[in-house]
């Protein structure tokens, strides 16, 4: 739960800093990166849960 609060607090500020340096065109890549990261961690969690269930 704490990571959700940290993410929602700092992601807009980090994106604003990146946008100032590059431009608004970076937004789809920024969102895609975090969507991919979310998917990877979700799959890792599912695999870890499956291992613990089979013990």
C-alpha atoms as a PDB file:
ATOM      1  CA  UNK A   1       0.000   0.000   0.000  1.00  0.00           C
ATOM      2  CA  UNK A   2       2.843   2.354   0.792  1.00  0.00           C
ATOM      3  CA  UNK A   3       4.310   1.903  -2.693  1.00  0.00           C
ATOM      4  CA  UNK A   4       1.019   3.061  -4.219  1.00  0.00           C
ATOM      5  CA  UNK A   5       1.143   6.269  -2.191  1.00  0.00           C
ATOM      6  CA  UNK A   6       4.794   6.847  -3.073  1.00  0.00           C
ATOM      7  CA  UNK A   7       4.077   6.232  -6.766  1.00  0.00           C
ATOM      8  CA  UNK A   8       1.077   8.526  -6.889  1.00  0.00           C
ATOM      9  CA  UNK A   9       3.073  11.213  -5.096  1.00  0.00           C
ATOM     10  CA  UNK A  10       6.266  11.166  -7.130  1.00  0.00           C
ATOM     11  CA  UNK A  11       5.258   9.952 -10.615  1.00  0.00           C
ATOM     12  CA  UNK A  12       3.669  13.266 -11.706  1.00  0.00           C
ATOM     13  CA  UNK A  13       6.661  15.218 -10.419  1.00  0.00           C
ATOM     14  CA  UNK A  14       9.129  12.902 -12.162  1.00  0.00           C
ATOM     15  CA  UNK A  15       7.125  13.046 -15.400  1.00  0.00           C
ATOM     16  CA  UNK A  16       7.056  16.841 -15.212  1.00  0.00           C
ATOM     17  CA  UNK A  17      10.828  16.943 -14.917  1.00  0.00           C
ATOM     18  CA  UNK A  18      11.278  14.529 -17.842  1.00  0.00           C
ATOM     19  CA  UNK A  19       8.729  16.442 -19.936  1.00  0.00           C
ATOM     20  CA  UNK A  20      10.583  19.708 -19.401  1.00  0.00           C
ATOM     21  CA  UNK A  21      13.782  18.144 -20.697  1.00  0.00           C
ATOM     22  CA  UNK A  22      12.280  16.230 -23.668  1.00  0.00           C
ATOM     23  CA  UNK A  23       8.722  17.293 -24.502  1.00  0.00           C
ATOM     24  CA  UNK A  24       5.184  15.959 -24.180  1.00  0.00           C
ATOM     25  CA  UNK A  25       5.811  13.270 -26.840  1.00  0.00           C
ATOM     26  CA  UNK A  26       7.437  11.147 -24.119  1.00  0.00           C
ATOM     27  CA  UNK A  27       4.138  10.544 -22.272  1.00  0.00           C
ATOM     28  CA  UNK A  28       2.973   7.401 -24.169  1.00  0.00           C
ATOM     29  CA  UNK A  29       6.387   5.801 -23.633  1.00  0.00           C
ATOM     30  CA  UNK A  30       6.358   6.801 -19.968  1.00  0.00           C
ATOM     31  CA  UNK A  31       2.934   5.228 -19.455  1.00  0.00           C
ATOM     32  CA  UNK A  32       3.836   2.122 -21.479  1.00  0.00           C
ATOM     33  CA  UNK A  33       6.982   1.630 -19.412  1.00  0.00           C
ATOM     34  CA  UNK A  34       5.050   1.626 -16.143  1.00  0.00           C
ATOM     35  CA  UNK A  35       2.288  -0.573 -17.593  1.00  0.00           C
ATOM     36  CA  UNK A  36       4.930  -3.104 -18.653  1.00  0.00           C
ATOM     37  CA  UNK A  37       6.593  -2.882 -15.250  1.00  0.00           C
ATOM     38  CA  UNK A  38       3.217  -3.493 -13.587  1.00  0.00           C
ATOM     39  CA  UNK A  39       2.585  -6.539 -15.785  1.00  0.00           C
ATOM     40  CA  UNK A  40       6.030  -8.010 -15.042  1.00  0.00           C
ATOM     41  CA  UNK A  41       5.631  -7.655 -11.288  1.00  0.00           C
ATOM     42  CA  UNK A  42       2.101  -9.081 -11.441  1.00  0.00           C
ATOM     43  CA  UNK A  43       3.364 -12.173 -13.275  1.00  0.00           C
ATOM     44  CA  UNK A  44       6.202 -12.577 -10.775  1.00  0.00           C
ATOM     45  CA  UNK A  45       3.692 -12.409  -7.932  1.00  0.00           C
ATOM     46  CA  UNK A  46       1.443 -15.027  -9.594  1.00  0.00           C
ATOM     47  CA  UNK A  47       4.404 -17.370 -10.043  1.00  0.00           C
ATOM     48  CA  UNK A  48       5.512 -16.934  -6.447  1.00  0.00           C
ATOM     49  CA  UNK A  49       1.974 -17.614  -5.208  1.00  0.00           C
ATOM     50  CA  UNK A  50       1.780 -20.769  -7.371  1.00  0.00           C
ATOM     51  CA  UNK A  51       5.048 -22.038  -5.883  1.00  0.00           C
ATOM     52  CA  UNK A  52       3.784 -21.557  -2.337  1.00  0.00           C
ATOM     53  CA  UNK A  53       0.464 -23.260  -3.126  1.00  0.00           C
ATOM     54  CA  UNK A  54       2.222 -26.351  -4.464  1.00  0.00           C
ATOM     55  CA  UNK A  55       4.293 -26.865  -1.299  1.00  0.00           C
END
